[in-house]
Protein backbone atom coordinates (compact mmCIF):
# COMPACT_ATOMS: atom_id res chain seq x y z
CA UNK A 1 91.16 88.54 94.91
CA UNK A 2 94.50 90.19 94.16
CA UNK A 3 95.32 93.46 95.93
CA UNK A 4 98.32 95.64 95.12
CA UNK A 5 99.37 97.74 98.10
CA UNK A 6 101.72 100.68 97.61
CA UNK A 7 103.16 103.25 99.98
CA UNK A 8 106.49 104.98 100.43
CA UNK A 9 109.39 103.61 102.45
CA UNK A 10 108.70 104.29 106.12
CA UNK A 11 105.01 103.34 106.15
CA UNK A 12 105.94 99.88 107.50
CA UNK A 13 103.47 98.09 105.24
CA UNK A 14 104.82 94.62 105.94
CA UNK A 15 103.80 94.51 109.61
CA UNK A 16 100.49 96.21 108.84
CA UNK A 17 99.63 93.70 106.10
CA UNK A 18 100.58 90.79 108.33
CA UNK A 19 97.76 91.91 110.62
CA UNK A 20 95.40 92.03 107.64
CA UNK A 21 96.36 88.44 106.78
CA UNK A 22 95.73 87.41 110.39
CA UNK A 23 92.29 89.04 110.16
CA UNK A 24 91.60 86.90 107.11
CA UNK A 25 92.76 83.75 108.90
CA UNK A 26 90.30 84.49 111.70
CA UNK A 27 87.55 84.48 109.06
CA UNK A 28 88.72 81.22 107.51
CA UNK A 29 90.38 82.85 104.50
CA UNK A 30 93.93 82.43 103.27
CA UNK A 31 95.67 85.69 102.35
CA UNK A 32 99.05 85.10 100.71
CA UNK A 33 101.34 88.09 101.19
CA UNK A 34 104.16 88.81 98.75
CA UNK A 35 106.65 91.37 100.05
CA UNK A 36 108.52 92.49 96.95
CA UNK A 37 111.46 93.99 98.86
CA UNK A 38 112.12 90.81 100.85
CA UNK A 39 111.85 88.70 97.72
CA UNK A 40 114.36 90.91 95.91
CA UNK A 41 116.85 90.46 98.75
CA UNK A 42 116.43 86.69 98.49
CA UNK A 43 117.00 86.95 94.74
CA UNK A 44 120.20 88.93 95.40
CA UNK A 45 121.70 87.39 98.56
CA UNK A 46 124.94 89.38 98.18
CA UNK A 47 123.13 92.70 98.81
CA UNK A 48 123.57 93.95 102.41
CA UNK A 49 120.39 94.70 104.38
CA UNK A 50 119.05 98.19 103.72
CA UNK A 51 121.25 98.71 100.65
CA UNK A 52 119.10 97.39 97.80
CA UNK A 53 118.16 100.86 96.56
CA UNK A 54 121.86 101.74 96.27
CA UNK A 55 122.69 99.06 93.71
CA UNK A 56 122.95 100.00 89.99
CA UNK A 57 119.60 100.65 88.34
CA UNK A 58 119.92 97.89 85.67
CA UNK A 59 120.40 95.24 88.36
CA UNK A 60 117.62 96.70 90.51
CA UNK A 61 115.22 96.53 87.57
CA UNK A 62 116.30 92.98 86.73
CA UNK A 63 115.76 91.78 90.30
CA UNK A 64 112.33 93.39 90.41
CA UNK A 65 111.21 91.78 87.15
CA UNK A 66 112.37 88.33 88.34
CA UNK A 67 110.41 88.74 91.56
CA UNK A 68 107.23 89.91 89.84
CA UNK A 69 107.47 87.01 87.42
CA UNK A 70 107.41 84.64 90.42
CA UNK A 71 104.51 86.54 92.03
CA UNK A 72 102.43 86.34 88.85
CA UNK A 73 103.02 82.58 88.61
CA UNK A 74 102.32 81.84 92.28
CA UNK A 75 99.26 84.09 92.50
CA UNK A 76 97.38 81.91 90.01
CA UNK A 77 97.02 79.14 92.59
CA UNK A 78 96.42 81.35 95.66
CA UNK A 79 93.00 82.07 97.16
CA UNK A 80 93.66 85.72 97.99
CA UNK A 81 96.85 87.68 97.30
CA UNK A 82 98.33 90.88 98.71
CA UNK A 83 101.32 92.29 96.82
CA UNK A 84 103.31 94.70 98.99
CA UNK A 85 105.28 97.00 96.70
CA UNK A 86 105.91 100.65 95.83
CA UNK A 87 104.81 102.78 92.91
CA UNK A 88 107.83 105.10 93.09
CA UNK A 89 111.15 105.49 94.84
CA UNK A 90 112.82 108.76 95.82
CA UNK A 91 116.37 107.79 96.74
CA UNK A 92 119.95 108.59 95.84
CA UNK A 93 119.12 107.78 92.24
CA UNK A 94 116.48 110.51 92.34
CA UNK A 95 112.85 109.69 91.54
CA UNK A 96 112.26 106.43 89.66
CA UNK A 97 109.43 103.92 89.14
CA UNK A 98 109.14 100.75 91.18
CA UNK A 99 106.93 98.76 88.79
CA UNK A 100 106.64 97.69 85.14
CA UNK A 101 103.30 98.14 83.38
CA UNK A 102 103.52 94.94 81.34
CA UNK A 103 103.89 92.81 84.46
CA UNK A 104 101.19 94.71 86.36
CA UNK A 105 98.78 94.10 83.50
CA UNK A 106 99.67 90.40 83.59
CA UNK A 107 99.13 90.32 87.37
CA UNK A 108 95.66 91.79 86.73
CA UNK A 109 94.93 92.98 90.29
CA UNK A 110 91.36 93.52 91.47
CA UNK A 111 92.13 96.40 93.81
CA UNK A 112 94.83 99.02 94.46
CA UNK A 113 95.39 100.58 97.88
CA UNK A 114 97.97 103.26 98.68
CA UNK A 115 98.83 103.27 102.39
CA UNK A 116 99.61 106.65 103.96
CA UNK A 117 101.04 107.88 107.24
CA UNK A 118 101.75 111.22 108.87
CA UNK A 119 105.09 112.85 108.16
CA UNK A 120 106.29 112.59 111.78
CA UNK A 121 105.84 108.81 111.83
CA UNK A 122 107.53 108.44 108.44
CA UNK A 123 110.48 110.50 109.64
CA UNK A 124 110.80 108.46 112.83
CA UNK A 125 110.83 105.09 111.06
CA UNK A 126 113.26 106.20 108.36
CA UNK A 127 115.68 107.62 110.95
CA UNK A 128 115.55 104.31 112.85
CA UNK A 129 115.76 101.94 109.89
CA UNK A 130 117.68 103.64 107.07
CA UNK A 131 120.85 105.68 106.64
CA UNK A 132 119.83 108.47 104.27
CA UNK A 133 119.80 112.26 104.51
CA UNK A 134 116.13 113.04 103.91
CA UNK A 135 114.27 116.20 104.85
CA UNK A 136 110.64 116.59 105.86
CA UNK A 137 110.13 118.27 102.48
CA UNK A 138 111.45 115.11 100.77
CA UNK A 139 108.92 113.00 102.66
CA UNK A 140 106.02 115.31 101.82
CA UNK A 141 106.92 115.22 98.13
CA UNK A 142 107.47 111.45 98.08
CA UNK A 143 104.15 110.77 99.80
CA UNK A 144 102.35 112.83 97.17
CA UNK A 145 104.25 111.16 94.34
CA UNK A 146 103.33 107.71 95.65
CA UNK A 147 99.61 108.56 95.57
CA UNK A 148 99.81 109.97 92.05
CA UNK A 149 102.06 107.14 90.88
CA UNK A 150 99.68 104.49 92.19
CA UNK A 151 96.67 106.12 90.56
CA UNK A 152 98.52 106.38 87.24
CA UNK A 153 99.54 102.72 87.53
CA UNK A 154 95.95 101.69 88.21
CA UNK A 155 94.67 103.74 85.26
CA UNK A 156 97.33 102.27 83.00
CA UNK A 157 96.27 98.75 83.93
CA UNK A 158 92.50 99.30 83.92
CA UNK A 159 90.44 102.45 84.39
CA UNK A 160 87.65 100.67 86.29
CA UNK A 161 89.84 98.93 88.88
CA UNK A 162 89.04 100.35 92.35
CA UNK A 163 91.72 102.50 93.98
CA UNK A 164 91.72 103.83 97.54
CA UNK A 165 94.06 105.89 99.67
CA UNK A 166 94.03 104.61 103.25
CA UNK A 167 95.88 105.87 106.30
CA UNK A 168 97.42 103.17 108.46
CA UNK A 169 96.27 105.20 111.46
CA UNK A 170 98.05 106.48 114.54
CA UNK A 171 95.22 106.85 117.07
CA UNK A 172 93.76 103.51 115.95
CA UNK A 173 94.78 101.07 113.25
CA UNK A 174 92.73 100.68 110.08
CA UNK A 175 93.07 96.92 109.64
CA UNK A 176 89.30 96.41 109.66
CA UNK A 177 88.85 99.15 107.06
CA UNK A 178 91.43 97.52 104.79
CA UNK A 179 89.79 94.11 105.25
CA UNK A 180 86.37 95.54 104.38
CA UNK A 181 87.72 97.21 101.25
CA UNK A 182 88.82 93.73 100.15
CA UNK A 183 85.84 91.65 101.16
CA UNK A 184 82.89 93.96 101.82
CA UNK A 185 82.86 96.01 98.66
CA UNK A 186 79.12 96.65 98.91
CA UNK A 187 79.37 98.12 102.40
CA UNK A 188 78.82 101.89 102.56
CA UNK A 189 82.00 103.97 102.61
CA UNK A 190 81.93 107.23 104.55
CA UNK A 191 84.23 110.21 104.92
CA UNK A 192 84.11 111.49 108.49
CA UNK A 193 84.00 115.26 108.82
CA UNK A 194 84.42 117.23 112.04
CA UNK A 195 86.20 120.37 113.29
CA UNK A 196 89.83 119.84 114.23
CA UNK A 197 91.90 123.01 114.59
CA UNK A 198 88.86 124.97 115.81
CA UNK A 199 88.38 122.71 118.86
CA UNK A 200 91.99 122.52 120.05
CA UNK A 201 92.02 123.16 123.80
CA UNK A 202 88.39 122.02 124.22
CA UNK A 203 88.76 118.52 125.72
CA UNK A 204 85.02 117.89 126.13
CA UNK A 205 84.33 118.51 122.45
CA UNK A 206 87.40 116.53 121.42
CA UNK A 207 86.13 113.60 123.50
CA UNK A 208 82.74 113.92 121.80
CA UNK A 209 84.41 113.85 118.39
CA UNK A 210 86.50 110.80 119.34
CA UNK A 211 83.35 108.97 120.46
CA UNK A 212 81.64 109.89 117.17
CA UNK A 213 84.56 108.56 115.15
CA UNK A 214 84.62 105.31 117.10
CA UNK A 215 80.90 104.68 116.62
CA UNK A 216 81.01 105.42 112.91
CA UNK A 217 83.97 103.07 112.44
CA UNK A 218 81.94 100.31 114.09
CA UNK A 219 79.16 100.40 111.47
CA UNK A 220 80.63 101.88 108.27
CA UNK A 221 83.82 101.67 106.21
CA UNK A 222 85.31 105.02 107.21
CA UNK A 223 87.99 107.26 105.78
CA UNK A 224 89.09 109.42 108.68
CA UNK A 225 91.11 112.63 108.11
CA UNK A 226 92.51 112.47 111.65
CA UNK A 227 94.43 109.31 110.72
CA UNK A 228 96.89 111.43 108.69
CA UNK A 229 97.22 114.58 110.75
CA UNK A 230 100.10 116.95 110.02
CA UNK A 231 98.27 120.28 110.31
CA UNK A 232 99.08 120.73 114.01
CA UNK A 233 102.86 120.56 113.49
CA UNK A 234 103.53 124.21 112.49
CA UNK A 235 101.79 125.52 115.61
CA UNK A 236 103.76 123.11 117.78
CA UNK A 237 106.95 124.31 116.09
CA UNK A 238 106.11 127.97 116.73
CA UNK A 239 105.32 127.27 120.38
CA UNK A 240 108.57 125.32 120.81
CA UNK A 241 110.57 128.09 119.15
CA UNK A 242 108.97 130.67 121.47
CA UNK A 243 110.18 128.56 124.38
CA UNK A 244 113.70 128.67 122.96
CA UNK A 245 113.72 125.09 121.62
CA UNK A 246 114.86 124.10 118.12
CA UNK A 247 112.97 120.82 118.14
CA UNK A 248 109.50 119.34 118.68
CA UNK A 249 109.00 115.93 120.27
CA UNK A 250 106.00 113.69 119.70
CA UNK A 251 105.13 110.19 120.88
CA UNK A 252 103.58 108.19 118.05
CA UNK A 253 102.63 104.54 118.46
CA UNK A 254 104.71 104.38 121.62
CA UNK A 255 107.88 105.80 120.03
CA UNK A 256 109.38 109.25 120.56
CA UNK A 257 109.98 111.25 117.38
CA UNK A 258 112.05 114.44 117.29
CA UNK A 259 111.44 117.00 114.52
CA UNK A 260 113.34 120.18 113.71
CA UNK A 261 111.22 123.34 114.10
CA UNK A 262 112.77 125.12 111.12
CA UNK A 263 112.10 122.12 108.86
CA UNK A 264 108.48 121.96 110.00
CA UNK A 265 107.89 125.64 109.27
CA UNK A 266 109.49 125.24 105.84
CA UNK A 267 106.83 122.68 104.87
CA UNK A 268 103.82 124.52 106.33
CA UNK A 269 102.52 125.42 102.87
CA UNK A 270 102.97 121.81 101.73
CA UNK A 271 101.09 120.54 104.78
CA UNK A 272 98.17 122.88 104.08
CA UNK A 273 97.95 122.11 100.37
CA UNK A 274 98.24 118.34 100.86
CA UNK A 275 95.64 118.33 103.64
CA UNK A 276 93.24 120.24 101.40
CA UNK A 277 93.76 117.96 98.39
CA UNK A 278 93.87 114.69 100.35
CA UNK A 279 90.64 115.31 102.26
CA UNK A 280 88.82 115.99 98.98
CA UNK A 281 90.34 112.81 97.53
CA UNK A 282 89.01 110.83 100.51
CA UNK A 283 85.56 112.34 99.96
CA UNK A 284 85.67 111.43 96.27
CA UNK A 285 86.42 107.76 97.05
CA UNK A 286 83.52 107.57 99.53
CA UNK A 287 79.78 107.05 99.05
CA UNK A 288 78.87 109.68 101.61
CA UNK A 289 80.08 112.25 104.07
CA UNK A 290 79.03 112.09 107.71
CA UNK A 291 79.74 115.32 109.56
CA UNK A 292 79.53 116.00 113.28
CA UNK A 293 78.86 119.64 114.13
CA UNK A 294 79.28 119.74 117.93
CA UNK A 295 77.94 122.40 120.26
CA UNK A 296 80.55 124.88 121.46
CA UNK A 297 80.98 126.24 125.01
CA UNK A 298 78.77 129.21 124.08
CA UNK A 299 75.91 126.91 123.05
CA UNK A 300 76.36 127.63 119.36
CA UNK A 301 77.34 125.18 116.64
CA UNK A 302 81.10 124.68 116.15
CA UNK A 303 80.97 124.77 112.36
CA UNK A 304 84.47 125.34 111.01
CA UNK A 305 85.30 126.67 107.55
CA UNK A 306 87.00 123.37 106.74
CA UNK A 307 83.87 121.35 107.51
CA UNK A 308 81.73 123.77 105.49
CA UNK A 309 84.03 123.34 102.50
CA UNK A 310 83.99 119.54 102.83
CA UNK A 311 80.17 119.49 102.94
CA UNK A 312 79.99 121.65 99.83
CA UNK A 313 82.54 119.53 97.97
CA UNK A 314 80.65 116.32 98.83
CA UNK A 315 77.36 117.85 97.67
CA UNK A 316 78.86 119.01 94.38
CA UNK A 317 80.43 115.55 93.88
CA UNK A 318 77.00 113.93 94.13
CA UNK A 319 77.65 112.21 97.47
CA UNK A 320 75.08 111.65 100.17
CA UNK A 321 75.55 114.36 102.82
CA UNK A 322 74.64 113.53 106.42
CA UNK A 323 75.00 116.10 109.18
CA UNK A 324 74.78 115.56 112.93
CA UNK A 325 73.76 118.97 114.31
CA UNK A 326 73.60 118.96 118.11
CA UNK A 327 73.11 122.68 118.85
CA UNK A 328 69.72 124.25 119.54
CA UNK A 329 70.65 126.98 117.06
CA UNK A 330 69.07 126.12 113.70
CA UNK A 331 71.45 125.25 110.83
CA UNK A 332 71.73 127.78 108.02
CA UNK A 333 70.23 127.31 104.59
CA UNK A 334 73.70 126.42 103.28
CA UNK A 335 73.55 123.30 105.44
CA UNK A 336 69.88 122.40 105.03
CA UNK A 337 69.90 122.83 101.25
CA UNK A 338 72.86 120.52 100.69
CA UNK A 339 72.26 117.86 103.37
CA UNK A 340 70.60 114.57 102.52
CA UNK A 341 69.51 114.36 106.15
CA UNK A 342 70.24 116.13 109.42
CA UNK A 343 70.32 114.24 112.74
CA UNK A 344 70.09 115.83 116.20
CA UNK A 345 72.41 113.26 117.79
CA UNK A 346 75.06 110.68 117.00
CA UNK A 347 72.77 107.96 118.37
CA UNK A 348 70.06 108.71 115.80
CA UNK A 349 72.62 108.71 113.00
CA UNK A 350 73.99 105.34 114.15
CA UNK A 351 70.47 103.88 114.23
CA UNK A 352 69.81 105.13 110.70
CA UNK A 353 73.03 103.75 109.22
CA UNK A 354 72.72 100.46 111.09
CA UNK A 355 69.22 99.94 109.67
CA UNK A 356 70.39 100.96 106.20
CA UNK A 357 73.27 98.47 106.30
CA UNK A 358 70.93 95.74 107.53
CA UNK A 359 68.50 96.38 104.66
CA UNK A 360 71.31 96.44 102.08
CA UNK A 361 72.43 92.97 103.16
């Protein structure tokens, strides 16, 4: 098994993939990890740390080709291989590719995964680790380019090679999801759908949603929209500005990140459009959608417009559509006519999927 993992600078793929390799070791498997950036520095020992993207393009391309030549040779004798690279770079040179199609075809990977992260985390890591004047807009554009670039790379190598976008996760890591994409390809993949903006300030419902997400992750391979969550940033920026502050502070993975309010509001349209497109992409790469419709404080179903649109998209894409409807109020025909099955509780849904997984094995 050879897996090519892409993702823009700032995702911190190396540490994430080390955990994936450790997960494999625990299962008695050997996962050999090739970090292209580190290997290029070893190939060019005169290059100062953090400066490799500043060297002339001809030398950068030459170093990369030497490294990939070594990876191709060494991967032939390895049990399982993870190649940590990039599809694109957006740096002082502008936008440029980080791979060569001839070598990627020779590598002949079995799987492509593009790792994602929220813009606040990306900004925090880049500020801490690199000296470059980037804006939040730059990061939004680069993240989108990396997804498109990876998909184009995969299609150029082989149309039928699996490709997934996967968030590294801020509330919980997605190591197990990554591992299952590698080694449990027949396991059901689910997009988790639930109201987000509509339940802000309702801690009981948010706790119910968190419990639902946790239980689904324990039995299915889940793509979770909350793992890449930028949509709340504009509202935080407006609230901070109303208080007379020019910045917003967030604590992500134990680190404090400071964002400029004006920059956040400048990318609000980008946040909305990317959220819309990315959630549909995650549905398209899943086998099913599992949607929790919680009961609101008034006893009625908290069915947001976003969840309705996701259910419709999944239905039109030919996915299985499962709805957990907890309210006494009956669901409308627009839910009943598109749902594969409706459950009255998370527990009944878990029992159904657990039995289904058991039978499939």
